[in-house]
């Protein structure tokens, strides 16, 4: 029980304080229970100096070592901290900027790449002509169908819980398709 109290107090002190050093008082009561506090409980309390370093929130593993010196238990806590992730990026692979696409059905195939693995919290959203196309998804390929002929702006956004985390460059593509005025399979009449 005293180990749990000490470890939880040390972890709380480490996480909540950014001070350079903290003084902890330790004493043993008449029942043999060792107490730790930031104020001395009795005149016989001994001081224990702890060096406190700032703790990063993404800890992978923690090891606790206990030793006993001068009738006081000393505990050292060592943690392995993950390095921070690089900034999130997303880029368009296809089509390329200023590309002319010939598709009578109005299809545009879009592919992107990101340095993050997509999941239910981190998704990609395709934006065409300033409007979101369909919903966000965890796949980095899209097949746009029945797009009107002409020029179109395409961009991909990386969303984390609905908020934009990163955006690709905006590109312009030109879609060429048969005129809408002439039916799809009507033959051309000679003059």
Protein backbone atom coordinates (compact mmCIF):
# COMPACT_ATOMS: atom_id res chain seq x y z
CA UNK A 1 0.00 0.00 0.00
CA UNK A 2 2.81 2.41 0.85
CA UNK A 3 4.45 1.69 -2.52
CA UNK A 4 1.24 2.56 -4.36
CA UNK A 5 0.83 5.78 -2.37
CA UNK A 6 4.45 6.77 -2.97
CA UNK A 7 4.44 5.97 -6.69
CA UNK A 8 1.12 7.73 -7.30
CA UNK A 9 2.33 10.77 -5.35
CA UNK A 10 5.61 10.85 -7.30
CA UNK A 11 3.86 10.49 -10.65
CA UNK A 12 1.35 13.21 -9.73
CA UNK A 13 4.13 15.50 -8.53
CA UNK A 14 6.16 14.82 -11.68
CA UNK A 15 3.24 15.41 -14.04
CA UNK A 16 1.75 18.43 -12.26
CA UNK A 17 4.91 20.36 -11.45
CA UNK A 18 7.66 21.73 -13.63
CA UNK A 19 9.83 22.86 -10.73
CA UNK A 20 13.52 22.03 -10.68
CA UNK A 21 13.47 20.28 -7.30
CA UNK A 22 10.77 19.22 -4.84
CA UNK A 23 11.18 18.43 -1.16
CA UNK A 24 9.34 15.40 0.20
CA UNK A 25 9.18 14.56 3.92
CA UNK A 26 9.11 10.97 5.14
CA UNK A 27 8.43 9.56 8.61
CA UNK A 28 7.33 6.29 10.23
CA UNK A 29 4.40 6.35 12.67
CA UNK A 30 3.95 4.21 15.85
CA UNK A 31 2.36 1.39 13.80
CA UNK A 32 5.39 1.15 11.47
CA UNK A 33 3.64 2.77 8.49
CA UNK A 34 5.89 5.00 6.38
CA UNK A 35 4.30 8.32 5.37
CA UNK A 36 5.31 10.76 2.63
CA UNK A 37 4.15 14.37 2.43
CA UNK A 38 5.19 17.81 1.19
CA UNK A 39 4.95 19.09 4.78
CA UNK A 40 6.67 17.46 7.77
CA UNK A 41 4.15 15.46 9.83
CA UNK A 42 6.39 15.11 12.87
CA UNK A 43 9.64 16.68 14.08
CA UNK A 44 11.40 13.35 13.31
CA UNK A 45 10.50 13.56 9.57
CA UNK A 46 13.45 13.27 7.23
CA UNK A 47 13.69 15.10 3.92
CA UNK A 48 14.00 13.42 0.55
CA UNK A 49 15.06 15.61 -2.40
CA UNK A 50 13.53 14.67 -5.75
CA UNK A 51 14.63 16.05 -9.08
CA UNK A 52 11.61 16.61 -11.27
CA UNK A 53 11.76 16.72 -15.03
CA UNK A 54 8.90 17.59 -17.35
CA UNK A 55 7.07 14.50 -18.59
CA UNK A 56 5.88 14.18 -22.18
CA UNK A 57 2.32 12.86 -22.49
CA UNK A 58 3.17 9.98 -24.88
CA UNK A 59 5.03 7.52 -22.65
CA UNK A 60 5.66 4.03 -23.98
CA UNK A 61 7.05 2.26 -20.94
CA UNK A 62 7.88 3.06 -17.35
CA UNK A 63 10.27 1.23 -15.03
CA UNK A 64 10.39 1.72 -11.27
CA UNK A 65 13.44 0.81 -9.18
CA UNK A 66 13.34 0.75 -5.38
CA UNK A 67 16.36 0.86 -3.09
CA UNK A 68 16.72 1.45 0.63
CA UNK A 69 19.31 3.83 2.07
CA UNK A 70 19.48 5.35 5.56
CA UNK A 71 16.16 3.72 6.54
CA UNK A 72 14.39 5.58 3.67
CA UNK A 73 13.13 3.88 0.54
CA UNK A 74 14.39 5.57 -2.62
CA UNK A 75 12.44 5.16 -5.81
CA UNK A 76 13.71 6.05 -9.26
CA UNK A 77 11.34 6.22 -12.20
CA UNK A 78 12.64 5.90 -15.76
CA UNK A 79 10.48 6.35 -18.84
CA UNK A 80 10.98 5.76 -22.54
CA UNK A 81 9.34 8.57 -24.50
CA UNK A 82 8.24 8.28 -28.13
CA UNK A 83 9.72 10.88 -30.47
CA UNK A 84 7.12 13.37 -31.75
CA UNK A 85 5.51 12.60 -35.10
CA UNK A 86 6.48 14.78 -38.05
CA UNK A 87 3.89 17.24 -39.32
CA UNK A 88 1.05 15.55 -41.18
CA UNK A 89 1.18 15.88 -44.97
CA UNK A 90 -1.01 14.82 -47.86
CA UNK A 91 -0.20 15.12 -51.58
CA UNK A 92 -1.96 14.41 -54.84
CA UNK A 93 -0.37 11.74 -57.04
CA UNK A 94 -2.86 11.80 -59.92
CA UNK A 95 -4.04 13.72 -61.80
CA UNK A 96 -1.24 16.25 -62.10
CA UNK A 97 -1.59 20.03 -62.28
CA UNK A 98 -2.82 21.35 -65.67
CA UNK A 99 -3.62 17.81 -66.91
CA UNK A 100 -6.20 17.38 -69.67
CA UNK A 101 -8.47 14.39 -69.11
CA UNK A 102 -10.58 12.97 -71.92
CA UNK A 103 -13.57 11.04 -70.60
CA UNK A 104 -16.96 11.01 -72.30
CA UNK A 105 -18.50 9.63 -69.10
CA UNK A 106 -17.03 12.48 -67.05
CA UNK A 107 -14.81 10.24 -64.89
CA UNK A 108 -11.74 11.54 -63.06
CA UNK A 109 -9.54 9.13 -61.08
CA UNK A 110 -7.81 10.77 -58.11
CA UNK A 111 -5.00 9.25 -56.03
CA UNK A 112 -3.20 10.74 -53.04
CA UNK A 113 -0.51 9.82 -50.51
CA UNK A 114 -0.07 10.77 -46.85
CA UNK A 115 2.63 10.28 -44.23
CA UNK A 116 -0.04 9.17 -41.73
CA UNK A 117 -2.04 5.95 -41.58
CA UNK A 118 -5.72 6.73 -41.97
CA UNK A 119 -8.30 5.37 -39.50
CA UNK A 120 -11.74 6.29 -38.15
CA UNK A 121 -10.32 9.44 -36.50
CA UNK A 122 -7.93 10.47 -39.30
CA UNK A 123 -9.61 10.59 -42.72
CA UNK A 124 -9.18 12.17 -46.14
CA UNK A 125 -11.69 14.44 -47.88
CA UNK A 126 -11.64 15.31 -51.58
CA UNK A 127 -12.64 18.88 -52.46
CA UNK A 128 -13.57 19.72 -56.05
CA UNK A 129 -14.31 23.32 -57.05
CA UNK A 130 -14.43 24.35 -53.38
CA UNK A 131 -17.05 21.74 -52.37
CA UNK A 132 -16.55 18.45 -50.53
CA UNK A 133 -17.08 15.44 -52.82
CA UNK A 134 -18.99 12.65 -51.03
CA UNK A 135 -17.85 12.01 -47.45
CA UNK A 136 -14.47 11.68 -45.78
CA UNK A 137 -12.84 8.25 -46.07
CA UNK A 138 -9.85 6.16 -45.02
CA UNK A 139 -8.88 5.28 -48.60
CA UNK A 140 -6.70 7.62 -50.66
CA UNK A 141 -8.31 6.87 -54.05
CA UNK A 142 -11.46 8.38 -55.53
CA UNK A 143 -13.38 7.88 -58.77
CA UNK A 144 -15.29 11.04 -59.59
CA UNK A 145 -18.18 10.28 -61.95
CA UNK A 146 -20.35 12.38 -64.25
CA UNK A 147 -18.26 15.52 -63.77
CA UNK A 148 -19.16 18.38 -66.14
CA UNK A 149 -16.67 19.23 -68.84
CA UNK A 150 -14.39 22.20 -68.28
CA UNK A 151 -11.72 23.18 -65.75
CA UNK A 152 -11.90 21.98 -62.15
CA UNK A 153 -9.90 22.68 -58.97
CA UNK A 154 -9.04 19.55 -56.95
CA UNK A 155 -7.58 19.41 -53.44
CA UNK A 156 -7.35 16.74 -50.72
CA UNK A 157 -7.74 17.55 -47.02
CA UNK A 158 -6.53 15.41 -44.12
CA UNK A 159 -9.13 15.55 -41.34
CA UNK A 160 -8.62 14.61 -37.70
CA UNK A 161 -12.00 14.21 -36.00
CA UNK A 162 -13.51 16.53 -38.61
CA UNK A 163 -10.91 19.30 -38.31
CA UNK A 164 -8.46 20.04 -41.13
CA UNK A 165 -5.00 18.80 -40.15
CA UNK A 166 -3.29 19.20 -43.56
CA UNK A 167 -4.18 20.07 -47.15
CA UNK A 168 -2.63 19.14 -50.47
CA UNK A 169 -1.78 21.69 -53.10
CA UNK A 170 -4.77 22.75 -55.19
CA UNK A 171 -4.47 21.65 -58.82
CA UNK A 172 -6.41 22.49 -61.96
CA UNK A 173 -7.51 19.77 -64.38
CA UNK A 174 -9.35 20.11 -67.68
CA UNK A 175 -12.05 17.57 -68.47
CA UNK A 176 -12.93 17.08 -72.14
CA UNK A 177 -16.07 15.12 -72.94
CA UNK A 178 -18.56 14.95 -75.77
CA UNK A 179 -21.09 17.78 -75.83
CA UNK A 180 -24.21 17.26 -73.71
CA UNK A 181 -26.35 18.65 -76.54
CA UNK A 182 -25.81 15.60 -78.79
CA UNK A 183 -27.13 12.21 -77.58
CA UNK A 184 -24.43 9.72 -76.60
CA UNK A 185 -24.85 7.18 -79.46
CA UNK A 186 -26.30 9.34 -82.23
CA UNK A 187 -24.44 9.11 -85.50
CA UNK A 188 -22.98 12.22 -87.09
CA UNK A 189 -25.10 13.27 -90.08
CA UNK A 190 -23.18 14.29 -93.21
CA UNK A 191 -24.19 17.59 -94.82
